[in-house]
Amino acid sequence: MLALPATAQDASSASALDVPDTHVVASLEASGVQIYECRQKSDGTLQWALKAPDANLYDDAGALVAHHFEGPSWRANDGSQIAGSVLRQAPSGTPNSIPQLLLAAKSVGAKGVLSDVQYIQRLATVGGVAPARACTSVGEEGRAPYLARYVFLR
């Protein structure tokens, strides 16, 4: 199992992902996988490409609050759901880990805890990079465990 680093993010990436004049709606720990799919490039070679995340998000008490899946999307237990689009990224403070992100959010579900979210920060990422082994057939999947903190802002 992966462990989160002691600090949420380093100072250089904090400013790159900050959003002024926002309020935290929720700050949740994610545990899951990044799913990669083997795809053929235009030159005929094969490479891993991100297909979708699959992670559960927990509050500080350990209660399951939401699920993160393809889109990228997040659905809370109350039925509220948002879809995100990447605005900026910054390197993870942990080597060989997916980047930290700032995403714009759009409500696509019921009224609830996530329905007023405007931005999502993916911070403190650990793991999740494409498999080191080469992919050998189109459509093959590889899963990479990852941890992160998602901060939902309005």
N, C-alpha and C. Protein backbone atom coordinates (compact mmCIF):
# COMPACT_ATOMS: atom_id res chain seq x y z
N MET A 1 0.84 -1.18 0.00
CA MET A 1 0.00 0.00 0.00
C MET A 1 0.89 1.24 0.00
N LEU A 2 0.42 2.27 -0.65
CA LEU A 2 1.16 3.52 -0.72
C LEU A 2 0.87 4.37 0.50
N ALA A 3 1.79 5.24 0.85
CA ALA A 3 1.58 6.15 1.99
C ALA A 3 1.67 7.58 1.50
N LEU A 4 0.82 8.44 2.04
CA LEU A 4 0.87 9.86 1.68
C LEU A 4 2.10 10.51 2.29
N PRO A 5 2.71 11.46 1.59
CA PRO A 5 3.85 12.17 2.17
C PRO A 5 3.39 13.03 3.35
N ALA A 6 4.33 13.43 4.16
CA ALA A 6 4.01 14.20 5.36
C ALA A 6 3.41 15.57 5.03
N THR A 7 3.86 16.20 3.96
CA THR A 7 3.30 17.49 3.58
C THR A 7 2.38 17.33 2.39
N ALA A 8 1.32 18.10 2.35
CA ALA A 8 0.32 17.98 1.29
C ALA A 8 0.90 18.34 -0.07
N GLN A 9 1.78 19.31 -0.12
CA GLN A 9 2.38 19.72 -1.40
C GLN A 9 3.58 20.59 -1.11
N ASP A 10 4.48 20.70 -2.07
CA ASP A 10 5.62 21.57 -1.85
C ASP A 10 5.23 23.01 -2.21
N ALA A 11 6.01 23.96 -1.75
CA ALA A 11 5.67 25.38 -1.91
C ALA A 11 5.56 25.80 -3.37
N SER A 12 6.39 25.25 -4.23
CA SER A 12 6.36 25.67 -5.64
C SER A 12 5.07 25.24 -6.33
N SER A 13 4.56 24.06 -6.01
CA SER A 13 3.33 23.61 -6.65
C SER A 13 2.10 24.22 -6.01
N ALA A 14 2.19 24.64 -4.75
CA ALA A 14 1.04 25.24 -4.08
C ALA A 14 0.56 26.48 -4.82
N SER A 15 1.46 27.36 -5.17
CA SER A 15 1.04 28.60 -5.83
C SER A 15 0.51 28.32 -7.24
N ALA A 16 1.03 27.31 -7.91
CA ALA A 16 0.58 26.99 -9.27
C ALA A 16 -0.86 26.48 -9.29
N LEU A 17 -1.31 25.91 -8.18
CA LEU A 17 -2.64 25.30 -8.14
C LEU A 17 -3.63 26.07 -7.27
N ASP A 18 -3.23 27.19 -6.72
CA ASP A 18 -4.12 27.99 -5.88
C ASP A 18 -5.20 28.68 -6.71
N VAL A 19 -6.36 28.85 -6.10
CA VAL A 19 -7.46 29.58 -6.72
C VAL A 19 -7.87 30.67 -5.71
N PRO A 20 -7.73 31.95 -6.08
CA PRO A 20 -8.07 33.01 -5.13
C PRO A 20 -9.57 33.09 -4.87
N ASP A 21 -9.93 33.60 -3.71
CA ASP A 21 -11.32 33.88 -3.35
C ASP A 21 -12.24 32.67 -3.46
N THR A 22 -11.80 31.55 -2.91
CA THR A 22 -12.63 30.35 -2.89
C THR A 22 -12.75 29.83 -1.46
N HIS A 23 -13.74 28.98 -1.26
CA HIS A 23 -13.97 28.36 0.06
C HIS A 23 -13.95 26.85 -0.11
N VAL A 24 -13.35 26.16 0.85
CA VAL A 24 -13.28 24.71 0.79
C VAL A 24 -14.64 24.11 1.12
N VAL A 25 -15.15 23.30 0.21
CA VAL A 25 -16.39 22.55 0.42
C VAL A 25 -16.08 21.23 1.12
N ALA A 26 -15.02 20.55 0.66
CA ALA A 26 -14.60 19.29 1.25
C ALA A 26 -13.15 19.03 0.89
N SER A 27 -12.44 18.35 1.78
CA SER A 27 -11.07 17.91 1.55
C SER A 27 -11.04 16.43 1.87
N LEU A 28 -10.81 15.60 0.85
CA LEU A 28 -10.99 14.16 0.99
C LEU A 28 -9.75 13.39 0.53
N GLU A 29 -9.46 12.30 1.21
CA GLU A 29 -8.35 11.41 0.84
C GLU A 29 -8.85 10.38 -0.15
N ALA A 30 -8.12 10.19 -1.24
CA ALA A 30 -8.48 9.21 -2.26
C ALA A 30 -7.54 8.03 -2.20
N SER A 31 -8.11 6.85 -2.40
CA SER A 31 -7.34 5.63 -2.52
C SER A 31 -7.94 4.83 -3.67
N GLY A 32 -7.10 4.50 -4.64
CA GLY A 32 -7.63 3.78 -5.79
C GLY A 32 -6.57 3.45 -6.80
N VAL A 33 -6.97 3.41 -8.07
CA VAL A 33 -6.06 3.10 -9.16
C VAL A 33 -6.28 4.06 -10.32
N GLN A 34 -5.23 4.25 -11.09
CA GLN A 34 -5.32 4.89 -12.39
C GLN A 34 -5.30 3.74 -13.39
N ILE A 35 -6.29 3.69 -14.26
CA ILE A 35 -6.39 2.60 -15.24
C ILE A 35 -5.82 3.08 -16.57
N TYR A 36 -4.87 2.33 -17.09
CA TYR A 36 -4.24 2.64 -18.37
C TYR A 36 -4.65 1.59 -19.40
N GLU A 37 -4.71 2.03 -20.65
CA GLU A 37 -5.06 1.14 -21.75
C GLU A 37 -3.96 1.20 -22.80
N CYS A 38 -3.63 0.07 -23.37
CA CYS A 38 -2.63 0.00 -24.43
C CYS A 38 -3.26 0.50 -25.73
N ARG A 39 -2.67 1.53 -26.31
CA ARG A 39 -3.19 2.11 -27.56
C ARG A 39 -2.07 2.19 -28.58
N GLN A 40 -2.47 2.13 -29.84
CA GLN A 40 -1.50 2.21 -30.94
C GLN A 40 -1.33 3.66 -31.36
N LYS A 41 -0.07 4.10 -31.41
CA LYS A 41 0.25 5.45 -31.87
C LYS A 41 0.23 5.47 -33.39
N SER A 42 0.26 6.67 -33.97
CA SER A 42 0.22 6.83 -35.43
C SER A 42 1.39 6.14 -36.13
N ASP A 43 2.51 5.99 -35.41
CA ASP A 43 3.67 5.31 -36.03
C ASP A 43 3.61 3.79 -35.87
N GLY A 44 2.52 3.28 -35.29
CA GLY A 44 2.34 1.84 -35.16
C GLY A 44 2.83 1.25 -33.85
N THR A 45 3.59 2.02 -33.06
CA THR A 45 4.06 1.50 -31.78
C THR A 45 2.94 1.55 -30.75
N LEU A 46 3.09 0.75 -29.71
CA LEU A 46 2.09 0.69 -28.65
C LEU A 46 2.58 1.48 -27.44
N GLN A 47 1.63 2.12 -26.74
CA GLN A 47 1.98 2.84 -25.52
C GLN A 47 0.79 2.87 -24.58
N TRP A 48 1.09 3.03 -23.30
CA TRP A 48 0.04 3.17 -22.29
C TRP A 48 -0.58 4.56 -22.38
N ALA A 49 -1.92 4.64 -22.28
CA ALA A 49 -2.64 5.91 -22.26
C ALA A 49 -3.65 5.84 -21.11
N LEU A 50 -3.82 6.93 -20.41
CA LEU A 50 -4.76 6.95 -19.29
C LEU A 50 -6.18 6.70 -19.81
N LYS A 51 -6.85 5.76 -19.20
CA LYS A 51 -8.24 5.45 -19.55
C LYS A 51 -9.19 6.10 -18.54
N ALA A 52 -8.94 5.87 -17.24
CA ALA A 52 -9.85 6.40 -16.22
C ALA A 52 -9.27 6.18 -14.83
N PRO A 53 -9.66 7.03 -13.89
CA PRO A 53 -9.36 6.75 -12.48
C PRO A 53 -10.48 5.88 -11.90
N ASP A 54 -10.19 5.22 -10.83
CA ASP A 54 -11.19 4.47 -10.06
C ASP A 54 -10.75 4.54 -8.61
N ALA A 55 -11.37 5.46 -7.86
CA ALA A 55 -10.93 5.69 -6.48
C ALA A 55 -12.10 6.03 -5.58
N ASN A 56 -11.97 5.64 -4.32
CA ASN A 56 -12.92 6.04 -3.29
C ASN A 56 -12.32 7.20 -2.52
N LEU A 57 -13.17 8.15 -2.12
CA LEU A 57 -12.74 9.33 -1.38
C LEU A 57 -13.35 9.30 0.01
N TYR A 58 -12.49 9.52 1.02
CA TYR A 58 -12.86 9.40 2.42
C TYR A 58 -12.63 10.71 3.16
N ASP A 59 -13.50 11.00 4.15
CA ASP A 59 -13.27 12.17 4.99
C ASP A 59 -12.22 11.82 6.05
N ASP A 60 -11.87 12.80 6.89
CA ASP A 60 -10.81 12.59 7.88
C ASP A 60 -11.18 11.56 8.95
N ALA A 61 -12.47 11.25 9.09
CA ALA A 61 -12.92 10.22 10.04
C ALA A 61 -12.91 8.83 9.40
N GLY A 62 -12.60 8.76 8.12
CA GLY A 62 -12.55 7.48 7.43
C GLY A 62 -13.85 7.05 6.78
N ALA A 63 -14.85 7.93 6.77
CA ALA A 63 -16.14 7.60 6.15
C ALA A 63 -16.07 7.80 4.64
N LEU A 64 -16.61 6.86 3.88
CA LEU A 64 -16.67 6.97 2.43
C LEU A 64 -17.63 8.09 2.05
N VAL A 65 -17.16 9.06 1.27
CA VAL A 65 -17.96 10.23 0.91
C VAL A 65 -18.29 10.28 -0.57
N ALA A 66 -17.37 9.82 -1.41
CA ALA A 66 -17.56 9.97 -2.86
C ALA A 66 -16.74 8.94 -3.62
N HIS A 67 -17.05 8.84 -4.92
CA HIS A 67 -16.31 7.96 -5.82
C HIS A 67 -15.81 8.79 -7.00
N HIS A 68 -14.59 8.52 -7.43
CA HIS A 68 -13.95 9.22 -8.55
C HIS A 68 -13.81 8.22 -9.70
N PHE A 69 -14.25 8.63 -10.90
CA PHE A 69 -14.27 7.70 -12.02
C PHE A 69 -14.07 8.45 -13.33
N GLU A 70 -14.23 7.72 -14.44
CA GLU A 70 -13.98 8.25 -15.78
C GLU A 70 -14.70 9.57 -16.01
N GLY A 71 -14.05 10.46 -16.70
CA GLY A 71 -14.63 11.77 -17.03
C GLY A 71 -13.56 12.85 -17.17
N PRO A 72 -12.81 13.23 -16.15
CA PRO A 72 -12.91 12.75 -14.78
C PRO A 72 -14.17 13.26 -14.11
N SER A 73 -14.76 12.41 -13.29
CA SER A 73 -15.99 12.74 -12.58
C SER A 73 -15.90 12.29 -11.13
N TRP A 74 -16.71 12.93 -10.29
CA TRP A 74 -16.83 12.59 -8.88
C TRP A 74 -18.31 12.54 -8.53
N ARG A 75 -18.73 11.48 -7.84
CA ARG A 75 -20.13 11.37 -7.40
C ARG A 75 -20.13 11.16 -5.88
N ALA A 76 -20.82 12.06 -5.18
CA ALA A 76 -20.94 11.96 -3.72
C ALA A 76 -22.07 11.00 -3.37
N ASN A 77 -22.05 10.52 -2.15
CA ASN A 77 -23.08 9.59 -1.68
C ASN A 77 -24.48 10.20 -1.72
N ASP A 78 -24.59 11.54 -1.70
CA ASP A 78 -25.91 12.20 -1.73
C ASP A 78 -26.46 12.34 -3.16
N GLY A 79 -25.73 11.84 -4.17
CA GLY A 79 -26.20 11.90 -5.55
C GLY A 79 -25.66 13.07 -6.35
N SER A 80 -25.03 14.04 -5.67
CA SER A 80 -24.45 15.15 -6.42
C SER A 80 -23.23 14.64 -7.19
N GLN A 81 -23.03 15.21 -8.37
CA GLN A 81 -21.94 14.75 -9.23
C GLN A 81 -21.37 15.92 -10.00
N ILE A 82 -20.05 15.91 -10.18
CA ILE A 82 -19.38 16.94 -10.98
C ILE A 82 -18.45 16.27 -11.98
N ALA A 83 -18.22 16.98 -13.07
CA ALA A 83 -17.24 16.59 -14.08
C ALA A 83 -16.16 17.67 -14.09
N GLY A 84 -14.92 17.28 -14.30
CA GLY A 84 -13.82 18.24 -14.26
C GLY A 84 -13.07 18.32 -15.57
N SER A 85 -12.43 19.47 -15.78
CA SER A 85 -11.51 19.64 -16.91
C SER A 85 -10.25 20.31 -16.38
N VAL A 86 -9.09 19.82 -16.80
CA VAL A 86 -7.81 20.28 -16.27
C VAL A 86 -7.52 21.71 -16.72
N LEU A 87 -7.17 22.55 -15.74
CA LEU A 87 -6.74 23.92 -16.00
C LEU A 87 -5.23 24.05 -15.92
N ARG A 88 -4.64 23.46 -14.87
CA ARG A 88 -3.19 23.53 -14.64
C ARG A 88 -2.72 22.26 -13.96
N GLN A 89 -1.42 22.01 -14.08
CA GLN A 89 -0.83 20.90 -13.34
C GLN A 89 0.53 21.30 -12.79
N ALA A 90 0.98 20.57 -11.78
CA ALA A 90 2.28 20.79 -11.16
C ALA A 90 2.84 19.43 -10.79
N PRO A 91 4.15 19.29 -10.79
CA PRO A 91 4.74 18.00 -10.43
C PRO A 91 4.36 17.60 -9.01
N SER A 92 4.28 16.31 -8.79
CA SER A 92 4.07 15.79 -7.44
C SER A 92 5.33 16.00 -6.63
N GLY A 93 5.18 16.14 -5.34
CA GLY A 93 6.34 16.20 -4.44
C GLY A 93 6.94 14.82 -4.23
N THR A 94 6.27 13.79 -4.71
CA THR A 94 6.74 12.41 -4.57
C THR A 94 7.20 11.91 -5.94
N PRO A 95 8.44 11.45 -6.05
CA PRO A 95 8.93 10.95 -7.34
C PRO A 95 8.06 9.81 -7.88
N ASN A 96 8.03 9.68 -9.21
CA ASN A 96 7.28 8.62 -9.89
C ASN A 96 5.80 8.61 -9.51
N SER A 97 5.22 9.79 -9.45
CA SER A 97 3.80 9.94 -9.11
C SER A 97 3.12 10.84 -10.13
N ILE A 98 1.82 10.65 -10.30
CA ILE A 98 1.05 11.48 -11.22
C ILE A 98 1.08 12.93 -10.74
N PRO A 99 0.92 13.89 -11.66
CA PRO A 99 0.99 15.30 -11.27
C PRO A 99 -0.18 15.73 -10.40
N GLN A 100 0.04 16.82 -9.69
CA GLN A 100 -1.04 17.48 -8.98
C GLN A 100 -1.79 18.31 -10.01
N LEU A 101 -3.08 18.51 -9.79
CA LEU A 101 -3.91 19.19 -10.78
C LEU A 101 -4.80 20.26 -10.16
N LEU A 102 -5.17 21.23 -10.98
CA LEU A 102 -6.27 22.14 -10.71
C LEU A 102 -7.26 21.92 -11.85
N LEU A 103 -8.51 21.63 -11.50
CA LEU A 103 -9.54 21.36 -12.50
C LEU A 103 -10.72 22.31 -12.29
N ALA A 104 -11.35 22.70 -13.38
CA ALA A 104 -12.63 23.42 -13.31
C ALA A 104 -13.71 22.36 -13.19
N ALA A 105 -14.76 22.67 -12.44
CA ALA A 105 -15.83 21.69 -12.21
C ALA A 105 -17.16 22.19 -12.73
N LYS A 106 -17.98 21.24 -13.16
CA LYS A 106 -19.32 21.53 -13.64
C LYS A 106 -20.26 20.50 -13.02
N SER A 107 -21.35 20.97 -12.42
CA SER A 107 -22.32 20.06 -11.82
C SER A 107 -23.08 19.31 -12.90
N VAL A 108 -23.17 17.98 -12.75
CA VAL A 108 -23.88 17.15 -13.72
C VAL A 108 -24.81 16.17 -13.01
N GLY A 109 -25.12 16.45 -11.74
CA GLY A 109 -25.95 15.53 -10.96
C GLY A 109 -26.94 16.26 -10.09
N ALA A 110 -27.44 15.57 -9.12
CA ALA A 110 -28.44 16.11 -8.19
C ALA A 110 -27.84 17.20 -7.31
N LYS A 111 -28.71 17.96 -6.67
CA LYS A 111 -28.28 18.98 -5.72
C LYS A 111 -27.70 18.28 -4.50
N GLY A 112 -26.56 18.74 -4.05
CA GLY A 112 -25.92 18.14 -2.89
C GLY A 112 -24.58 18.78 -2.60
N VAL A 113 -23.74 18.07 -1.86
CA VAL A 113 -22.47 18.61 -1.39
C VAL A 113 -21.55 19.05 -2.53
N LEU A 114 -21.58 18.38 -3.68
CA LEU A 114 -20.69 18.73 -4.78
C LEU A 114 -21.30 19.69 -5.80
N SER A 115 -22.59 19.94 -5.73
CA SER A 115 -23.26 20.68 -6.81
C SER A 115 -22.79 22.13 -6.97
N ASP A 116 -22.25 22.75 -5.92
CA ASP A 116 -21.77 24.13 -6.02
C ASP A 116 -20.25 24.23 -6.21
N VAL A 117 -19.58 23.10 -6.35
CA VAL A 117 -18.13 23.09 -6.51
C VAL A 117 -17.75 23.70 -7.86
N GLN A 118 -16.77 24.61 -7.83
CA GLN A 118 -16.29 25.27 -9.05
C GLN A 118 -14.90 24.78 -9.47
N TYR A 119 -14.11 24.35 -8.48
CA TYR A 119 -12.74 23.91 -8.74
C TYR A 119 -12.42 22.69 -7.89
N ILE A 120 -11.49 21.89 -8.41
CA ILE A 120 -10.99 20.72 -7.69
C ILE A 120 -9.48 20.77 -7.75
N GLN A 121 -8.83 20.57 -6.61
CA GLN A 121 -7.38 20.44 -6.57
C GLN A 121 -7.06 18.97 -6.26
N ARG A 122 -6.18 18.37 -7.04
CA ARG A 122 -5.65 17.04 -6.72
C ARG A 122 -4.25 17.28 -6.20
N LEU A 123 -4.05 17.00 -4.92
CA LEU A 123 -2.79 17.30 -4.24
C LEU A 123 -2.19 16.04 -3.63
N ALA A 124 -0.94 16.15 -3.19
CA ALA A 124 -0.26 15.09 -2.44
C ALA A 124 -0.36 13.74 -3.15
N THR A 125 -0.13 13.72 -4.43
CA THR A 125 -0.25 12.48 -5.19
C THR A 125 0.92 11.54 -4.90
N VAL A 126 0.58 10.25 -4.82
CA VAL A 126 1.57 9.20 -4.61
C VAL A 126 1.21 8.06 -5.55
N GLY A 127 2.14 7.69 -6.44
CA GLY A 127 1.89 6.59 -7.37
C GLY A 127 1.02 7.01 -8.54
N GLY A 128 0.42 6.00 -9.18
CA GLY A 128 -0.53 6.25 -10.26
C GLY A 128 0.04 6.40 -11.65
N VAL A 129 1.37 6.33 -11.81
CA VAL A 129 1.94 6.48 -13.15
C VAL A 129 1.73 5.20 -13.96
N ALA A 130 1.81 5.32 -15.28
CA ALA A 130 1.62 4.18 -16.18
C ALA A 130 2.57 3.04 -15.81
N PRO A 131 2.12 1.81 -16.03
CA PRO A 131 2.98 0.66 -15.72
C PRO A 131 4.35 0.78 -16.41
N ALA A 132 5.39 0.31 -15.73
CA ALA A 132 6.74 0.37 -16.28
C ALA A 132 6.93 -0.67 -17.39
N ARG A 133 6.19 -1.75 -17.31
CA ARG A 133 6.31 -2.80 -18.34
C ARG A 133 5.68 -2.30 -19.64
N ALA A 134 6.21 -2.75 -20.74
CA ALA A 134 5.66 -2.37 -22.05
C ALA A 134 4.32 -3.07 -22.27
N CYS A 135 3.40 -2.38 -22.93
CA CYS A 135 2.13 -3.03 -23.28
C CYS A 135 2.35 -3.79 -24.58
N THR A 136 1.60 -4.88 -24.75
CA THR A 136 1.87 -5.77 -25.89
C THR A 136 0.70 -5.95 -26.84
N SER A 137 -0.51 -5.53 -26.44
CA SER A 137 -1.65 -5.67 -27.36
C SER A 137 -2.66 -4.55 -27.13
N VAL A 138 -3.21 -4.03 -28.22
CA VAL A 138 -4.19 -2.94 -28.15
C VAL A 138 -5.36 -3.38 -27.26
N GLY A 139 -5.75 -2.50 -26.34
CA GLY A 139 -6.86 -2.78 -25.45
C GLY A 139 -6.46 -3.38 -24.12
N GLU A 140 -5.22 -3.84 -24.00
CA GLU A 140 -4.71 -4.39 -22.74
C GLU A 140 -4.80 -3.30 -21.66
N GLU A 141 -5.15 -3.69 -20.43
CA GLU A 141 -5.23 -2.72 -19.34
C GLU A 141 -4.13 -2.94 -18.32
N GLY A 142 -3.69 -1.84 -17.74
CA GLY A 142 -2.75 -1.85 -16.63
C GLY A 142 -3.29 -0.95 -15.55
N ARG A 143 -3.17 -1.35 -14.30
CA ARG A 143 -3.69 -0.56 -13.18
C ARG A 143 -2.54 -0.16 -12.27
N ALA A 144 -2.54 1.12 -11.89
CA ALA A 144 -1.48 1.64 -11.03
C ALA A 144 -2.10 2.24 -9.77
N PRO A 145 -1.83 1.65 -8.60
CA PRO A 145 -2.38 2.19 -7.34
C PRO A 145 -1.92 3.63 -7.12
N TYR A 146 -2.81 4.43 -6.54
CA TYR A 146 -2.43 5.81 -6.21
C TYR A 146 -3.21 6.31 -5.01
N LEU A 147 -2.65 7.33 -4.37
CA LEU A 147 -3.28 8.06 -3.29
C LEU A 147 -3.21 9.54 -3.65
N ALA A 148 -4.17 10.31 -3.15
CA ALA A 148 -4.16 11.76 -3.36
C ALA A 148 -5.12 12.40 -2.38
N ARG A 149 -5.01 13.71 -2.24
CA ARG A 149 -6.01 14.50 -1.50
C ARG A 149 -6.71 15.36 -2.53
N TYR A 150 -8.05 15.27 -2.54
CA TYR A 150 -8.86 16.10 -3.43
C TYR A 150 -9.52 17.18 -2.57
N VAL A 151 -9.31 18.43 -2.98
CA VAL A 151 -9.91 19.57 -2.30
C VAL A 151 -10.94 20.16 -3.25
N PHE A 152 -12.18 20.24 -2.80
CA PHE A 152 -13.29 20.75 -3.60
C PHE A 152 -13.59 22.17 -3.14
N LEU A 153 -13.59 23.12 -4.09
CA LEU A 153 -13.71 24.55 -3.79
C LEU A 153 -14.89 25.18 -4.47
N ARG A 154 -15.48 26.19 -3.84
CA ARG A 154 -16.53 26.98 -4.48
C ARG A 154 -16.21 28.44 -4.29
